[in-house]
PDB file of all heavy atoms in Angstrom:
ATOM      1  N   MET A   1      -6.264  17.506  -6.903  1.00  0.00           N
ATOM      2  CA  MET A   1      -6.321  17.244  -8.338  1.00  0.00           C
ATOM      3  C   MET A   1      -7.648  16.571  -8.670  1.00  0.00           C
ATOM      4  O   MET A   1      -8.043  15.595  -8.020  1.00  0.00           O
ATOM      5  CB  MET A   1      -5.177  16.316  -8.771  1.00  0.00           C
ATOM      6  CG  MET A   1      -5.258  15.882 -10.249  1.00  0.00           C
ATOM      7  SD  MET A   1      -4.162  14.483 -10.661  1.00  0.00           S
ATOM      8  CE  MET A   1      -2.566  15.283 -10.587  1.00  0.00           C
ATOM      9  N   VAL A   2      -8.337  17.096  -9.700  1.00  0.00           N
ATOM     10  CA  VAL A   2      -9.504  16.426 -10.263  1.00  0.00           C
ATOM     11  C   VAL A   2      -9.077  15.860 -11.613  1.00  0.00           C
ATOM     12  O   VAL A   2      -8.546  16.588 -12.450  1.00  0.00           O
ATOM     13  CB  VAL A   2     -10.700  17.379 -10.430  1.00  0.00           C
ATOM     14  CG1 VAL A   2     -11.914  16.625 -10.977  1.00  0.00           C
ATOM     15  CG2 VAL A   2     -11.050  18.033  -9.098  1.00  0.00           C
ATOM     16  N   HIS A   3      -9.299  14.559 -11.821  1.00  0.00           N
ATOM     17  CA  HIS A   3      -8.845  13.878 -13.035  1.00  0.00           C
ATOM     18  C   HIS A   3     -10.033  13.289 -13.779  1.00  0.00           C
ATOM     19  O   HIS A   3     -10.911  12.660 -13.178  1.00  0.00           O
ATOM     20  CB  HIS A   3      -7.864  12.760 -12.688  1.00  0.00           C
ATOM     21  CG  HIS A   3      -7.351  12.025 -13.887  1.00  0.00           C
ATOM     22  ND1 HIS A   3      -8.000  10.917 -14.430  1.00  0.00           N
ATOM     23  CD2 HIS A   3      -6.259  12.237 -14.683  1.00  0.00           C
ATOM     24  CE1 HIS A   3      -7.330  10.487 -15.481  1.00  0.00           C
ATOM     25  NE2 HIS A   3      -6.265  11.271 -15.659  1.00  0.00           N
ATOM     26  N   TYR A   4     -10.053  13.511 -15.088  1.00  0.00           N
ATOM     27  CA  TYR A   4     -11.087  12.947 -15.958  1.00  0.00           C
ATOM     28  C   TYR A   4     -10.450  11.920 -16.877  1.00  0.00           C
ATOM     29  O   TYR A   4      -9.487  12.219 -17.596  1.00  0.00           O
ATOM     30  CB  TYR A   4     -11.741  14.051 -16.787  1.00  0.00           C
ATOM     31  CG  TYR A   4     -12.702  13.550 -17.850  1.00  0.00           C
ATOM     32  CD1 TYR A   4     -13.958  13.047 -17.507  1.00  0.00           C
ATOM     33  CD2 TYR A   4     -12.349  13.585 -19.197  1.00  0.00           C
ATOM     34  CE1 TYR A   4     -14.833  12.595 -18.482  1.00  0.00           C
ATOM     35  CE2 TYR A   4     -13.214  13.137 -20.174  1.00  0.00           C
ATOM     36  CZ  TYR A   4     -14.459  12.641 -19.805  1.00  0.00           C
ATOM     37  OH  TYR A   4     -15.331  12.188 -20.782  1.00  0.00           O
ATOM     38  N   ASP A   5     -10.986  10.697 -16.845  1.00  0.00           N
ATOM     39  CA  ASP A   5     -10.527   9.613 -17.706  1.00  0.00           C
ATOM     40  C   ASP A   5     -11.431   9.558 -18.926  1.00  0.00           C
ATOM     41  O   ASP A   5     -12.614   9.192 -18.815  1.00  0.00           O
ATOM     42  CB  ASP A   5     -10.566   8.286 -16.940  1.00  0.00           C
ATOM     43  CG  ASP A   5      -9.944   7.140 -17.710  1.00  0.00           C
ATOM     44  OD1 ASP A   5     -10.274   6.967 -18.902  1.00  0.00           O
ATOM     45  OD2 ASP A   5      -9.143   6.391 -17.125  1.00  0.00           O
ATOM     46  N   ASN A   6     -10.906   9.920 -20.080  1.00  0.00           N
ATOM     47  CA  ASN A   6     -11.727  10.026 -21.284  1.00  0.00           C
ATOM     48  C   ASN A   6     -12.230   8.671 -21.771  1.00  0.00           C
ATOM     49  O   ASN A   6     -13.305   8.585 -22.373  1.00  0.00           O
ATOM     50  CB  ASN A   6     -10.931  10.715 -22.398  1.00  0.00           C
ATOM     51  CG  ASN A   6     -11.776  11.034 -23.607  1.00  0.00           C
ATOM     52  OD1 ASN A   6     -12.931  11.455 -23.477  1.00  0.00           O
ATOM     53  ND2 ASN A   6     -11.233  10.823 -24.790  1.00  0.00           N
ATOM     54  N   GLU A   7     -11.488   7.611 -21.509  1.00  0.00           N
ATOM     55  CA  GLU A   7     -11.901   6.289 -21.966  1.00  0.00           C
ATOM     56  C   GLU A   7     -13.097   5.768 -21.171  1.00  0.00           C
ATOM     57  O   GLU A   7     -14.064   5.262 -21.740  1.00  0.00           O
ATOM     58  CB  GLU A   7     -10.743   5.295 -21.858  1.00  0.00           C
ATOM     59  CG  GLU A   7     -11.090   3.896 -22.366  1.00  0.00           C
ATOM     60  CD  GLU A   7      -9.919   2.934 -22.283  1.00  0.00           C
ATOM     61  OE1 GLU A   7      -8.825   3.353 -21.869  1.00  0.00           O
ATOM     62  OE2 GLU A   7     -10.096   1.749 -22.640  1.00  0.00           O
ATOM     63  N   THR A   8     -13.049   5.933 -19.869  1.00  0.00           N
ATOM     64  CA  THR A   8     -14.133   5.411 -19.011  1.00  0.00           C
ATOM     65  C   THR A   8     -15.182   6.468 -18.683  1.00  0.00           C
ATOM     66  O   THR A   8     -16.209   6.140 -18.087  1.00  0.00           O
ATOM     67  CB  THR A   8     -13.552   4.866 -17.713  1.00  0.00           C
ATOM     68  OG1 THR A   8     -12.894   5.927 -17.002  1.00  0.00           O
ATOM     69  CG2 THR A   8     -12.549   3.749 -17.991  1.00  0.00           C
ATOM     70  N   LYS A   9     -14.898   7.729 -19.044  1.00  0.00           N
ATOM     71  CA  LYS A   9     -15.798   8.851 -18.753  1.00  0.00           C
ATOM     72  C   LYS A   9     -16.043   8.980 -17.250  1.00  0.00           C
ATOM     73  O   LYS A   9     -17.162   9.227 -16.797  1.00  0.00           O
ATOM     74  CB  LYS A   9     -17.149   8.708 -19.481  1.00  0.00           C
ATOM     75  CG  LYS A   9     -17.045   8.381 -20.961  1.00  0.00           C
ATOM     76  CD  LYS A   9     -16.278   9.411 -21.743  1.00  0.00           C
ATOM     77  CE  LYS A   9     -16.190   9.050 -23.223  1.00  0.00           C
ATOM     78  NZ  LYS A   9     -15.253   9.917 -23.963  1.00  0.00           N
ATOM     79  N   THR A  10     -14.983   8.807 -16.473  1.00  0.00           N
ATOM     80  CA  THR A  10     -15.105   8.871 -15.021  1.00  0.00           C
ATOM     81  C   THR A  10     -14.178   9.936 -14.442  1.00  0.00           C
ATOM     82  O   THR A  10     -13.161  10.301 -15.036  1.00  0.00           O
ATOM     83  CB  THR A  10     -14.760   7.522 -14.374  1.00  0.00           C
ATOM     84  OG1 THR A  10     -13.437   7.130 -14.782  1.00  0.00           O
ATOM     85  CG2 THR A  10     -15.766   6.453 -14.782  1.00  0.00           C
ATOM     86  N   LEU A  11     -14.553  10.406 -13.262  1.00  0.00           N
ATOM     87  CA  LEU A  11     -13.779  11.408 -12.536  1.00  0.00           C
ATOM     88  C   LEU A  11     -13.212  10.800 -11.261  1.00  0.00           C
ATOM     89  O   LEU A  11     -13.830   9.928 -10.643  1.00  0.00           O
ATOM     90  CB  LEU A  11     -14.653  12.601 -12.164  1.00  0.00           C
ATOM     91  CG  LEU A  11     -15.134  13.513 -13.294  1.00  0.00           C
ATOM     92  CD1 LEU A  11     -16.257  14.408 -12.791  1.00  0.00           C
ATOM     93  CD2 LEU A  11     -13.987  14.371 -13.826  1.00  0.00           C
ATOM     94  N   ALA A  12     -12.068  11.286 -10.864  1.00  0.00           N
ATOM     95  CA  ALA A  12     -11.486  10.922  -9.570  1.00  0.00           C
ATOM     96  C   ALA A  12     -10.830  12.159  -8.980  1.00  0.00           C
ATOM     97  O   ALA A  12     -10.329  13.027  -9.715  1.00  0.00           O
ATOM     98  CB  ALA A  12     -10.465   9.799  -9.719  1.00  0.00           C
ATOM     99  N   VAL A  13     -10.843  12.246  -7.663  1.00  0.00           N
ATOM    100  CA  VAL A  13     -10.211  13.359  -6.963  1.00  0.00           C
ATOM    101  C   VAL A  13      -9.051  12.816  -6.136  1.00  0.00           C
ATOM    102  O   VAL A  13      -9.202  11.816  -5.417  1.00  0.00           O
ATOM    103  CB  VAL A  13     -11.215  14.081  -6.043  1.00  0.00           C
ATOM    104  CG1 VAL A  13     -10.505  15.142  -5.206  1.00  0.00           C
ATOM    105  CG2 VAL A  13     -12.334  14.704  -6.858  1.00  0.00           C
ATOM    106  N   TYR A  14      -7.913  13.485  -6.240  1.00  0.00           N
ATOM    107  CA  TYR A  14      -6.746  13.125  -5.448  1.00  0.00           C
ATOM    108  C   TYR A  14      -6.498  14.246  -4.432  1.00  0.00           C
ATOM    109  O   TYR A  14      -6.276  15.394  -4.808  1.00  0.00           O
ATOM    110  CB  TYR A  14      -5.530  12.904  -6.348  1.00  0.00           C
ATOM    111  CG  TYR A  14      -5.715  11.716  -7.261  1.00  0.00           C
ATOM    112  CD1 TYR A  14      -6.307  11.862  -8.523  1.00  0.00           C
ATOM    113  CD2 TYR A  14      -5.347  10.440  -6.855  1.00  0.00           C
ATOM    114  CE1 TYR A  14      -6.501  10.762  -9.353  1.00  0.00           C
ATOM    115  CE2 TYR A  14      -5.545   9.333  -7.681  1.00  0.00           C
ATOM    116  CZ  TYR A  14      -6.115   9.506  -8.922  1.00  0.00           C
ATOM    117  OH  TYR A  14      -6.314   8.421  -9.744  1.00  0.00           O
ATOM    118  N   ASP A  15      -6.588  13.889  -3.160  1.00  0.00           N
ATOM    119  CA  ASP A  15      -6.481  14.838  -2.055  1.00  0.00           C
ATOM    120  C   ASP A  15      -5.072  14.776  -1.481  1.00  0.00           C
ATOM    121  O   ASP A  15      -4.689  13.792  -0.858  1.00  0.00           O
ATOM    122  CB  ASP A  15      -7.531  14.469  -0.994  1.00  0.00           C
ATOM    123  CG  ASP A  15      -7.447  15.312   0.272  1.00  0.00           C
ATOM    124  OD1 ASP A  15      -6.491  16.087   0.416  1.00  0.00           O
ATOM    125  OD2 ASP A  15      -8.344  15.179   1.136  1.00  0.00           O
ATOM    126  N   GLY A  16      -4.301  15.841  -1.718  1.00  0.00           N
ATOM    127  CA  GLY A  16      -2.960  15.951  -1.157  1.00  0.00           C
ATOM    128  C   GLY A  16      -2.874  17.089  -0.164  1.00  0.00           C
ATOM    129  O   GLY A  16      -1.830  17.736  -0.031  1.00  0.00           O
ATOM    130  N   ARG A  17      -3.971  17.317   0.544  1.00  0.00           N
ATOM    131  CA  ARG A  17      -4.007  18.376   1.550  1.00  0.00           C
ATOM    132  C   ARG A  17      -3.100  18.009   2.723  1.00  0.00           C
ATOM    133  O   ARG A  17      -3.077  16.861   3.170  1.00  0.00           O
ATOM    134  CB  ARG A  17      -5.440  18.553   2.054  1.00  0.00           C
ATOM    135  CG  ARG A  17      -5.654  19.703   3.037  1.00  0.00           C
ATOM    136  CD  ARG A  17      -5.356  21.035   2.420  1.00  0.00           C
ATOM    137  NE  ARG A  17      -5.946  22.145   3.190  1.00  0.00           N
ATOM    138  CZ  ARG A  17      -5.601  23.406   3.033  1.00  0.00           C
ATOM    139  NH1 ARG A  17      -4.685  23.727   2.150  1.00  0.00           N
ATOM    140  NH2 ARG A  17      -6.189  24.350   3.739  1.00  0.00           N
ATOM    141  N   GLU A  18      -2.338  18.969   3.219  1.00  0.00           N
ATOM    142  CA  GLU A  18      -1.459  18.718   4.352  1.00  0.00           C
ATOM    143  C   GLU A  18      -2.271  18.344   5.603  1.00  0.00           C
ATOM    144  O   GLU A  18      -3.446  18.688   5.716  1.00  0.00           O
ATOM    145  CB  GLU A  18      -0.611  19.958   4.677  1.00  0.00           C
ATOM    146  CG  GLU A  18       0.283  20.400   3.541  1.00  0.00           C
ATOM    147  CD  GLU A  18      -0.370  21.400   2.603  1.00  0.00           C
ATOM    148  OE1 GLU A  18      -1.630  21.414   2.516  1.00  0.00           O
ATOM    149  OE2 GLU A  18       0.360  22.169   1.973  1.00  0.00           O
ATOM    150  N   SER A  19      -1.612  17.696   6.537  1.00  0.00           N
ATOM    151  CA  SER A  19      -2.277  17.342   7.794  1.00  0.00           C
ATOM    152  C   SER A  19      -1.490  17.899   8.969  1.00  0.00           C
ATOM    153  O   SER A  19      -0.264  18.058   8.914  1.00  0.00           O
ATOM    154  CB  SER A  19      -2.412  15.821   7.925  1.00  0.00           C
ATOM    155  OG  SER A  19      -1.147  15.194   7.884  1.00  0.00           O
ATOM    156  N   ALA A  20      -2.219  18.196  10.038  1.00  0.00           N
ATOM    157  CA  ALA A  20      -1.594  18.725  11.250  1.00  0.00           C
ATOM    158  C   ALA A  20      -0.756  17.642  11.928  1.00  0.00           C
ATOM    159  O   ALA A  20      -1.061  16.454  11.825  1.00  0.00           O
ATOM    160  CB  ALA A  20      -2.663  19.232  12.201  1.00  0.00           C
ATOM    161  N   PRO A  21       0.300  18.026  12.625  1.00  0.00           N
ATOM    162  CA  PRO A  21       1.105  17.029  13.337  1.00  0.00           C
ATOM    163  C   PRO A  21       0.337  16.408  14.504  1.00  0.00           C
ATOM    164  O   PRO A  21      -0.667  16.952  14.969  1.00  0.00           O
ATOM    165  CB  PRO A  21       2.302  17.845  13.831  1.00  0.00           C
ATOM    166  CG  PRO A  21       1.831  19.259  13.879  1.00  0.00           C
ATOM    167  CD  PRO A  21       0.838  19.394  12.768  1.00  0.00           C
ATOM    168  N   SER A  22       0.840  15.278  14.961  1.00  0.00           N
ATOM    169  CA  SER A  22       0.185  14.597  16.074  1.00  0.00           C
ATOM    170  C   SER A  22       0.235  15.418  17.354  1.00  0.00           C
ATOM    171  O   SER A  22      -0.576  15.221  18.268  1.00  0.00           O
ATOM    172  CB  SER A  22       0.839  13.227  16.313  1.00  0.00           C
ATOM    173  OG  SER A  22       2.239  13.370  16.530  1.00  0.00           O
ATOM    174  N   GLY A  23       1.176  16.367  17.411  1.00  0.00           N
ATOM    175  CA  GLY A  23       1.290  17.209  18.596  1.00  0.00           C
ATOM    176  C   GLY A  23       0.495  18.503  18.519  1.00  0.00           C
ATOM    177  O   GLY A  23       0.596  19.351  19.428  1.00  0.00           O
ATOM    178  N   ALA A  24      -0.301  18.694  17.479  1.00  0.00           N
ATOM    179  CA  ALA A  24      -1.088  19.926  17.339  1.00  0.00           C
ATOM    180  C   ALA A  24      -2.151  20.021  18.426  1.00  0.00           C
ATOM    181  O   ALA A  24      -2.718  19.005  18.864  1.00  0.00           O
ATOM    182  CB  ALA A  24      -1.743  19.978  15.966  1.00  0.00           C
ATOM    183  N   THR A  25      -2.450  21.248  18.856  1.00  0.00           N
ATOM    184  CA  THR A  25      -3.468  21.476  19.883  1.00  0.00           C
ATOM    185  C   THR A  25      -4.455  22.543  19.420  1.00  0.00           C
ATOM    186  O   THR A  25      -4.097  23.416  18.624  1.00  0.00           O
ATOM    187  CB  THR A  25      -2.823  21.944  21.203  1.00  0.00           C
ATOM    188  OG1 THR A  25      -2.113  23.179  20.969  1.00  0.00           O
ATOM    189  CG2 THR A  25      -1.855  20.895  21.731  1.00  0.00           C
ATOM    190  N   PRO A  26      -5.702  22.496  19.897  1.00  0.00           N
ATOM    191  CA  PRO A  26      -6.714  23.460  19.444  1.00  0.00           C
ATOM    192  C   PRO A  26      -6.360  24.915  19.729  1.00  0.00           C
ATOM    193  O   PRO A  26      -6.839  25.812  19.036  1.00  0.00           O
ATOM    194  CB  PRO A  26      -7.966  23.031  20.221  1.00  0.00           C
ATOM    195  CG  PRO A  26      -7.742  21.604  20.562  1.00  0.00           C
ATOM    196  CD  PRO A  26      -6.262  21.474  20.795  1.00  0.00           C
ATOM    197  N   ASP A  27      -5.508  25.152  20.734  1.00  0.00           N
ATOM    198  CA  ASP A  27      -5.198  26.529  21.120  1.00  0.00           C
ATOM    199  C   ASP A  27      -3.813  26.980  20.672  1.00  0.00           C
ATOM    200  O   ASP A  27      -3.297  27.986  21.160  1.00  0.00           O
ATOM    201  CB  ASP A  27      -5.327  26.689  22.640  1.00  0.00           C
ATOM    202  CG  ASP A  27      -4.368  25.774  23.404  1.00  0.00           C
ATOM    203  OD1 ASP A  27      -3.695  24.938  22.767  1.00  0.00           O
ATOM    204  OD2 ASP A  27      -4.306  25.884  24.647  1.00  0.00           O
TER     205      ASP A  27
END
C-alpha cells in the first residue's frame, strides 16, 4: 500500500509481502 497524507503532504509505504518459512531451503 502507498498512502498519501493530504494534510502533511507526505507518502508512506506499507509492506505486507509474505515471507518464507524458517524451514525454507534454496533448492
